[in-house]
C-alpha atoms as a PDB file:
ATOM      1  CA  MET A   1     -17.931 -28.468   8.522  1.00  0.00           C
ATOM      2  CA  ALA A   2     -14.431 -28.409   7.032  1.00  0.00           C
ATOM      3  CA  THR A   3     -14.734 -32.048   6.053  1.00  0.00           C
ATOM      4  CA  GLU A   4     -18.197 -31.554   4.521  1.00  0.00           C
ATOM      5  CA  ALA A   5     -17.156 -28.547   2.464  1.00  0.00           C
ATOM      6  CA  ALA A   6     -13.931 -30.140   1.296  1.00  0.00           C
ATOM      7  CA  GLU A   7     -15.712 -33.314   0.276  1.00  0.00           C
ATOM      8  CA  GLU A   8     -18.114 -31.258  -1.851  1.00  0.00           C
ATOM      9  CA  VAL A   9     -15.108 -29.915  -3.760  1.00  0.00           C
ATOM     10  CA  ASN A  10     -13.709 -33.471  -3.896  1.00  0.00           C
ATOM     11  CA  VAL A  11     -10.352 -32.541  -2.374  1.00  0.00           C
ATOM     12  CA  PRO A  12      -8.576 -33.289   0.928  1.00  0.00           C
ATOM     13  CA  THR A  13      -9.985 -31.786   4.103  1.00  0.00           C
ATOM     14  CA  ALA A  14      -8.628 -28.504   5.400  1.00  0.00           C
ATOM     15  CA  ALA A  15      -7.349 -30.364   8.459  1.00  0.00           C
ATOM     16  CA  ALA A  16      -5.191 -32.473   6.159  1.00  0.00           C
ATOM     17  CA  ALA A  17      -3.826 -29.288   4.640  1.00  0.00           C
ATOM     18  CA  GLU A  18      -2.226 -28.084   7.851  1.00  0.00           C
ATOM     19  CA  ALA A  19       1.434 -27.277   7.493  1.00  0.00           C
ATOM     20  CA  PRO A  20       3.744 -30.068   8.670  1.00  0.00           C
ATOM     21  CA  ALA A  21       5.457 -29.570  11.991  1.00  0.00           C
ATOM     22  CA  THR A  22       8.889 -28.028  11.639  1.00  0.00           C
ATOM     23  CA  GLY A  23      11.816 -27.659  13.941  1.00  0.00           C
ATOM     24  CA  ALA A  24      12.272 -24.744  16.304  1.00  0.00           C
ATOM     25  CA  GLU A  25      14.604 -23.121  13.787  1.00  0.00           C
ATOM     26  CA  LYS A  26      11.708 -22.720  11.322  1.00  0.00           C
ATOM     27  CA  GLN A  27       9.063 -20.587  12.959  1.00  0.00           C
ATOM     28  CA  PRO A  28       5.885 -20.008  10.924  1.00  0.00           C
ATOM     29  CA  HIS A  29       5.491 -16.575   9.354  1.00  0.00           C
ATOM     30  CA  LYS A  30       2.617 -14.878  11.162  1.00  0.00           C
ATOM     31  CA  LEU A  31       0.209 -12.677   9.226  1.00  0.00           C
ATOM     32  CA  GLU A  32      -1.057  -9.311  10.472  1.00  0.00           C
ATOM     33  CA  ARG A  33      -4.508 -10.788  11.084  1.00  0.00           C
ATOM     34  CA  LYS A  34      -6.511 -13.995  10.829  1.00  0.00           C
ATOM     35  CA  TRP A  35      -8.394 -14.890   7.656  1.00  0.00           C
ATOM     36  CA  THR A  36     -11.126 -17.454   6.976  1.00  0.00           C
ATOM     37  CA  PHE A  37     -11.843 -19.479   3.847  1.00  0.00           C
ATOM     38  CA  TRP A  38     -15.499 -20.227   3.077  1.00  0.00           C
ATOM     39  CA  PHE A  39     -17.125 -22.500   0.493  1.00  0.00           C
ATOM     40  CA  ASP A  40     -20.592 -22.211  -1.015  1.00  0.00           C
ATOM     41  CA  ASN A  41     -21.913 -24.883  -3.393  1.00  0.00           C
ATOM     42  CA  GLN A  42     -25.061 -23.295  -4.804  1.00  0.00           C
ATOM     43  CA  SER A  43     -25.509 -26.124  -7.296  1.00  0.00           C
ATOM     44  CA  LYS A  44     -26.944 -28.330  -4.544  1.00  0.00           C
ATOM     45  CA  PRO A  45     -29.426 -26.161  -2.609  1.00  0.00           C
ATOM     46  CA  LYS A  46     -32.158 -27.898  -0.651  1.00  0.00           C
ATOM     47  CA  GLN A  47     -35.633 -27.193  -1.962  1.00  0.00           C
ATOM     48  CA  GLY A  48     -37.013 -23.994  -0.437  1.00  0.00           C
ATOM     49  CA  ALA A  49     -33.717 -23.210   1.314  1.00  0.00           C
ATOM     50  CA  ALA A  50     -32.928 -19.548   1.939  1.00  0.00           C
ATOM     51  CA  TRP A  51     -29.849 -17.921   0.425  1.00  0.00           C
ATOM     52  CA  GLY A  52     -26.756 -18.536   2.536  1.00  0.00           C
ATOM     53  CA  THR A  53     -27.804 -21.928   3.889  1.00  0.00           C
ATOM     54  CA  THR A  54     -25.226 -23.672   1.683  1.00  0.00           C
ATOM     55  CA  LEU A  55     -22.402 -21.396   2.881  1.00  0.00           C
ATOM     56  CA  ARG A  56     -19.765 -23.236   4.947  1.00  0.00           C
ATOM     57  CA  LYS A  57     -16.870 -21.917   7.000  1.00  0.00           C
ATOM     58  CA  VAL A  58     -13.927 -24.155   6.146  1.00  0.00           C
ATOM     59  CA  TYR A  59     -10.706 -22.985   7.796  1.00  0.00           C
ATOM     60  CA  THR A  60      -9.244 -19.990   9.661  1.00  0.00           C
ATOM     61  CA  PHE A  61      -5.502 -19.375   9.401  1.00  0.00           C
ATOM     62  CA  ASP A  62      -2.916 -16.796  10.425  1.00  0.00           C
ATOM     63  CA  THR A  63       0.397 -17.946   8.924  1.00  0.00           C
ATOM     64  CA  VAL A  64       1.900 -17.858   5.432  1.00  0.00           C
ATOM     65  CA  GLU A  65       2.569 -21.596   5.590  1.00  0.00           C
ATOM     66  CA  GLU A  66      -1.060 -22.459   6.346  1.00  0.00           C
ATOM     67  CA  PHE A  67      -2.211 -20.224   3.509  1.00  0.00           C
ATOM     68  CA  TRP A  68      -0.069 -21.963   0.893  1.00  0.00           C
ATOM     69  CA  CYS A  69      -1.068 -25.455   2.073  1.00  0.00           C
ATOM     70  CA  LEU A  70      -4.750 -24.505   1.932  1.00  0.00           C
ATOM     71  CA  TYR A  71      -4.466 -22.803  -1.434  1.00  0.00           C
ATOM     72  CA  ASP A  72      -2.466 -25.582  -3.096  1.00  0.00           C
ATOM     73  CA  GLN A  73      -4.652 -28.418  -1.831  1.00  0.00           C
ATOM     74  CA  ILE A  74      -8.134 -26.885  -1.812  1.00  0.00           C
ATOM     75  CA  PHE A  75      -8.781 -23.274  -2.688  1.00  0.00           C
ATOM     76  CA  LYS A  76      -8.037 -23.045  -6.403  1.00  0.00           C
ATOM     77  CA  PRO A  77     -11.011 -22.005  -8.557  1.00  0.00           C
ATOM     78  CA  SER A  78     -10.167 -24.785 -11.028  1.00  0.00           C
ATOM     79  CA  LYS A  79     -11.210 -27.243  -8.285  1.00  0.00           C
ATOM     80  CA  LEU A  80     -14.650 -25.649  -7.945  1.00  0.00           C
ATOM     81  CA  PRO A  81     -17.740 -27.363  -9.324  1.00  0.00           C
ATOM     82  CA  GLY A  82     -20.058 -25.251 -11.470  1.00  0.00           C
ATOM     83  CA  ASN A  83     -22.169 -22.661  -9.673  1.00  0.00           C
ATOM     84  CA  ALA A  84     -19.982 -22.568  -6.568  1.00  0.00           C
ATOM     85  CA  ASP A  85     -18.002 -19.912  -4.712  1.00  0.00           C
ATOM     86  CA  PHE A  86     -14.796 -19.661  -2.708  1.00  0.00           C
ATOM     87  CA  HIS A  87     -14.514 -16.793  -0.221  1.00  0.00           C
ATOM     88  CA  LEU A  88     -11.602 -15.374   1.754  1.00  0.00           C
ATOM     89  CA  PHE A  89     -12.793 -12.951   4.437  1.00  0.00           C
ATOM     90  CA  LYS A  90     -11.305 -11.436   7.556  1.00  0.00           C
ATOM     91  CA  ALA A  91     -11.842 -13.751  10.508  1.00  0.00           C
ATOM     92  CA  GLY A  92     -15.070 -12.831  12.272  1.00  0.00           C
ATOM     93  CA  VAL A  93     -16.694 -11.428   9.120  1.00  0.00           C
ATOM     94  CA  GLU A  94     -19.258 -13.592   7.331  1.00  0.00           C
ATOM     95  CA  PRO A  95     -19.532 -13.200   3.538  1.00  0.00           C
ATOM     96  CA  LYS A  96     -23.141 -12.060   3.781  1.00  0.00           C
ATOM     97  CA  TRP A  97     -24.838  -8.693   3.241  1.00  0.00           C
ATOM     98  CA  GLU A  98     -26.334  -9.011   6.723  1.00  0.00           C
ATOM     99  CA  ASP A  99     -22.970  -9.128   8.495  1.00  0.00           C
ATOM    100  CA  PRO A 100     -22.406  -5.818  10.377  1.00  0.00           C
ATOM    101  CA  GLU A 101     -19.057  -5.312   8.619  1.00  0.00           C
ATOM    102  CA  CYS A 102     -20.659  -5.740   5.180  1.00  0.00           C
ATOM    103  CA  ALA A 103     -24.128  -4.248   5.738  1.00  0.00           C
ATOM    104  CA  ASN A 104     -23.241  -0.725   4.545  1.00  0.00           C
ATOM    105  CA  GLY A 105     -20.721  -1.844   1.966  1.00  0.00           C
ATOM    106  CA  GLY A 106     -20.477  -2.945  -1.619  1.00  0.00           C
ATOM    107  CA  LYS A 107     -18.172  -4.738  -4.006  1.00  0.00           C
ATOM    108  CA  TRP A 108     -15.836  -4.227  -6.925  1.00  0.00           C
ATOM    109  CA  SER A 109     -16.521  -6.867  -9.598  1.00  0.00           C
ATOM    110  CA  VAL A 110     -14.413  -8.285 -12.417  1.00  0.00           C
ATOM    111  CA  PRO A 111     -15.760 -10.758 -15.012  1.00  0.00           C
ATOM    112  CA  CYS A 112     -13.349 -13.549 -15.958  1.00  0.00           C
ATOM    113  CA  ASN A 113     -13.614 -15.389 -19.254  1.00  0.00           C
ATOM    114  CA  LYS A 114     -11.131 -18.191 -18.647  1.00  0.00           C
ATOM    115  CA  LYS A 115     -10.442 -20.396 -15.620  1.00  0.00           C
ATOM    116  CA  THR A 116      -6.732 -19.551 -15.808  1.00  0.00           C
ATOM    117  CA  ASN A 117      -7.609 -15.863 -15.773  1.00  0.00           C
ATOM    118  CA  LEU A 118      -9.802 -16.319 -12.682  1.00  0.00           C
ATOM    119  CA  GLU A 119      -7.153 -18.422 -10.961  1.00  0.00           C
ATOM    120  CA  ASN A 120      -4.386 -15.883 -11.530  1.00  0.00           C
ATOM    121  CA  MET A 121      -6.484 -12.913 -10.390  1.00  0.00           C
ATOM    122  CA  TRP A 122      -7.783 -14.848  -7.367  1.00  0.00           C
ATOM    123  CA  LEU A 123      -4.261 -15.744  -6.217  1.00  0.00           C
ATOM    124  CA  GLU A 124      -2.934 -12.210  -6.761  1.00  0.00           C
ATOM    125  CA  THR A 125      -5.851 -10.846  -4.725  1.00  0.00           C
ATOM    126  CA  LEU A 126      -5.371 -13.371  -1.916  1.00  0.00           C
ATOM    127  CA  MET A 127      -1.695 -12.479  -1.609  1.00  0.00           C
ATOM    128  CA  ALA A 128      -2.520  -8.761  -1.631  1.00  0.00           C
ATOM    129  CA  LEU A 129      -5.072  -9.223   1.157  1.00  0.00           C
ATOM    130  CA  ILE A 130      -2.997 -11.362   3.519  1.00  0.00           C
ATOM    131  CA  GLY A 131       0.047  -9.218   2.697  1.00  0.00           C
ATOM    132  CA  GLU A 132      -1.852  -6.031   3.657  1.00  0.00           C
ATOM    133  CA  GLN A 133      -1.099  -4.341   0.322  1.00  0.00           C
ATOM    134  CA  PHE A 134      -4.150  -2.044   0.323  1.00  0.00           C
ATOM    135  CA  ASP A 135      -3.778   1.417   1.875  1.00  0.00           C
ATOM    136  CA  ASP A 136      -7.306   1.301   3.285  1.00  0.00           C
ATOM    137  CA  VAL A 137      -6.946  -2.222   4.620  1.00  0.00           C
ATOM    138  CA  ASP A 138      -9.597  -1.693   7.317  1.00  0.00           C
ATOM    139  CA  GLU A 139     -12.136  -1.094   4.525  1.00  0.00           C
ATOM    140  CA  ILE A 140     -11.597  -4.546   3.030  1.00  0.00           C
ATOM    141  CA  CYS A 141     -14.017  -7.312   4.059  1.00  0.00           C
ATOM    142  CA  GLY A 142     -12.904 -10.069   1.707  1.00  0.00           C
ATOM    143  CA  VAL A 143     -12.986 -11.497  -1.801  1.00  0.00           C
ATOM    144  CA  VAL A 144     -15.227 -13.998  -3.607  1.00  0.00           C
ATOM    145  CA  ALA A 145     -14.363 -16.213  -6.585  1.00  0.00           C
ATOM    146  CA  SER A 146     -17.510 -17.415  -8.398  1.00  0.00           C
ATOM    147  CA  VAL A 147     -17.504 -20.161 -11.016  1.00  0.00           C
ATOM    148  CA  ARG A 148     -20.494 -19.953 -13.347  1.00  0.00           C
ATOM    149  CA  GLN A 149     -21.442 -21.612 -16.613  1.00  0.00           C
ATOM    150  CA  ARG A 150     -21.715 -18.364 -18.551  1.00  0.00           C
ATOM    151  CA  GLN A 151     -18.926 -16.350 -16.971  1.00  0.00           C
ATOM    152  CA  ASP A 152     -16.757 -16.589 -13.872  1.00  0.00           C
ATOM    153  CA  LYS A 153     -16.454 -13.569 -11.610  1.00  0.00           C
ATOM    154  CA  LEU A 154     -14.250 -12.120  -8.887  1.00  0.00           C
ATOM    155  CA  ALA A 155     -15.661  -9.655  -6.347  1.00  0.00           C
ATOM    156  CA  LEU A 156     -13.830  -7.615  -3.718  1.00  0.00           C
ATOM    157  CA  TRP A 157     -16.131  -6.683  -0.818  1.00  0.00           C
ATOM    158  CA  THR A 158     -15.591  -3.449   1.110  1.00  0.00           C
ATOM    159  CA  LYS A 159     -17.111  -1.859   4.192  1.00  0.00           C
ATOM    160  CA  THR A 160     -18.303   1.707   3.502  1.00  0.00           C
ATOM    161  CA  ALA A 161     -19.925   2.020   0.087  1.00  0.00           C
ATOM    162  CA  THR A 162     -20.732   5.738   0.378  1.00  0.00           C
ATOM    163  CA  ASN A 163     -17.078   6.738   0.869  1.00  0.00           C
ATOM    164  CA  GLU A 164     -16.380   7.246  -2.819  1.00  0.00           C
ATOM    165  CA  ALA A 165     -12.793   8.471  -2.424  1.00  0.00           C
ATOM    166  CA  VAL A 166     -11.798   5.387  -0.440  1.00  0.00           C
ATOM    167  CA  GLN A 167     -13.597   2.979  -2.762  1.00  0.00           C
ATOM    168  CA  MET A 168     -12.030   4.550  -5.847  1.00  0.00           C
ATOM    169  CA  GLY A 169      -8.595   4.201  -4.246  1.00  0.00           C
ATOM    170  CA  ILE A 170      -9.258   0.530  -3.495  1.00  0.00           C
ATOM    171  CA  GLY A 171     -10.606  -0.062  -6.998  1.00  0.00           C
ATOM    172  CA  ARG A 172      -7.558   1.473  -8.663  1.00  0.00           C
ATOM    173  CA  LYS A 173      -5.196  -0.507  -6.442  1.00  0.00           C
ATOM    174  CA  TRP A 174      -7.054  -3.780  -7.061  1.00  0.00           C
ATOM    175  CA  LYS A 175      -7.109  -3.208 -10.812  1.00  0.00           C
ATOM    176  CA  GLU A 176      -3.341  -2.773 -10.691  1.00  0.00           C
ATOM    177  CA  ILE A 177      -2.893  -5.918  -8.553  1.00  0.00           C
ATOM    178  CA  ILE A 178      -4.891  -8.166 -10.883  1.00  0.00           C
ATOM    179  CA  ASP A 179      -3.544  -6.451 -14.011  1.00  0.00           C
ATOM    180  CA  ALA A 180      -7.033  -5.807 -15.397  1.00  0.00           C
ATOM    181  CA  ASN A 181      -7.278  -3.872 -18.639  1.00  0.00           C
ATOM    182  CA  ASP A 182     -11.038  -3.447 -18.833  1.00  0.00           C
ATOM    183  CA  LYS A 183     -13.180  -1.186 -16.680  1.00  0.00           C
ATOM    184  CA  ILE A 184     -14.218  -2.596 -13.298  1.00  0.00           C
ATOM    185  CA  THR A 185     -17.399  -1.575 -11.508  1.00  0.00           C
ATOM    186  CA  TYR A 186     -18.433  -0.983  -7.898  1.00  0.00           C
ATOM    187  CA  SER A 187     -21.989  -1.729  -6.757  1.00  0.00           C
ATOM    188  CA  PHE A 188     -23.695  -1.082  -3.411  1.00  0.00           C
ATOM    189  CA  HIS A 189     -25.080  -4.092  -1.511  1.00  0.00           C
ATOM    190  CA  ASP A 190     -28.207  -2.010  -0.819  1.00  0.00           C
ATOM    191  CA  ASP A 191     -28.805  -1.645  -4.568  1.00  0.00           C
ATOM    192  CA  SER A 192     -28.240  -5.368  -5.122  1.00  0.00           C
ATOM    193  CA  ARG A 193     -30.772  -6.212  -2.404  1.00  0.00           C
ATOM    194  CA  ARG A 194     -33.444  -4.234  -4.251  1.00  0.00           C
ATOM    195  CA  GLU A 195     -32.484  -5.182  -7.790  1.00  0.00           C
ATOM    196  CA  ARG A 196     -30.639  -8.330  -8.830  1.00  0.00           C
ATOM    197  CA  SER A 197     -28.827  -6.651 -11.743  1.00  0.00           C
ATOM    198  CA  ALA A 198     -28.063  -3.392  -9.945  1.00  0.00           C
ATOM    199  CA  LYS A 199     -26.066  -0.807 -11.885  1.00  0.00           C
ATOM    200  CA  GLY A 200     -22.600   0.112 -10.711  1.00  0.00           C
ATOM    201  CA  ARG A 201     -22.064   3.357  -8.823  1.00  0.00           C
ATOM    202  CA  TYR A 202     -18.306   3.790  -9.415  1.00  0.00           C
ATOM    203  CA  ASN A 203     -15.977   2.741 -12.229  1.00  0.00           C
ATOM    204  CA  VAL A 204     -12.210   2.644 -12.678  1.00  0.00           C
END
């Protein structure tokens, strides 16, 4: 799967991105938890295929060194083809509404007008997630970078949409992390299931 996904992005495989072996004096820096990168190329769906069938788990890591190798070689939005997504989610959580961790959640969304803007905000968010910078870290499911012809987008998925106080705290913190000036909006997955262009419930 890693090879297939990486080939679709036309970059080296995740296996090739593993950190080189180092001596005993250089122990890898362990993260608090494991994280998984996913890739979804929606520009090549099979006819009649259901949503999510193009989603591929690429690589799970738990060290700082692995993260930087993966990011530098593969997971930069500028490497994405049009109409494709990169995801970074907690290991064991699938970036789907149906996943038990995501089922009652929602997402904060930020539109990005330039690839460099998306790339900078994506990297800042990745570092904040693996560095456990959010107070309500257990509420975070993951983040999605989406490259689209009209406008790129970044979305931070959380667990409990109805907990407004927690979501507002996460939204304010994320806005600070990505240095966003414009208003960002939170939408419930339940609303998005019923209506494609669901209105946001919270704003910061």
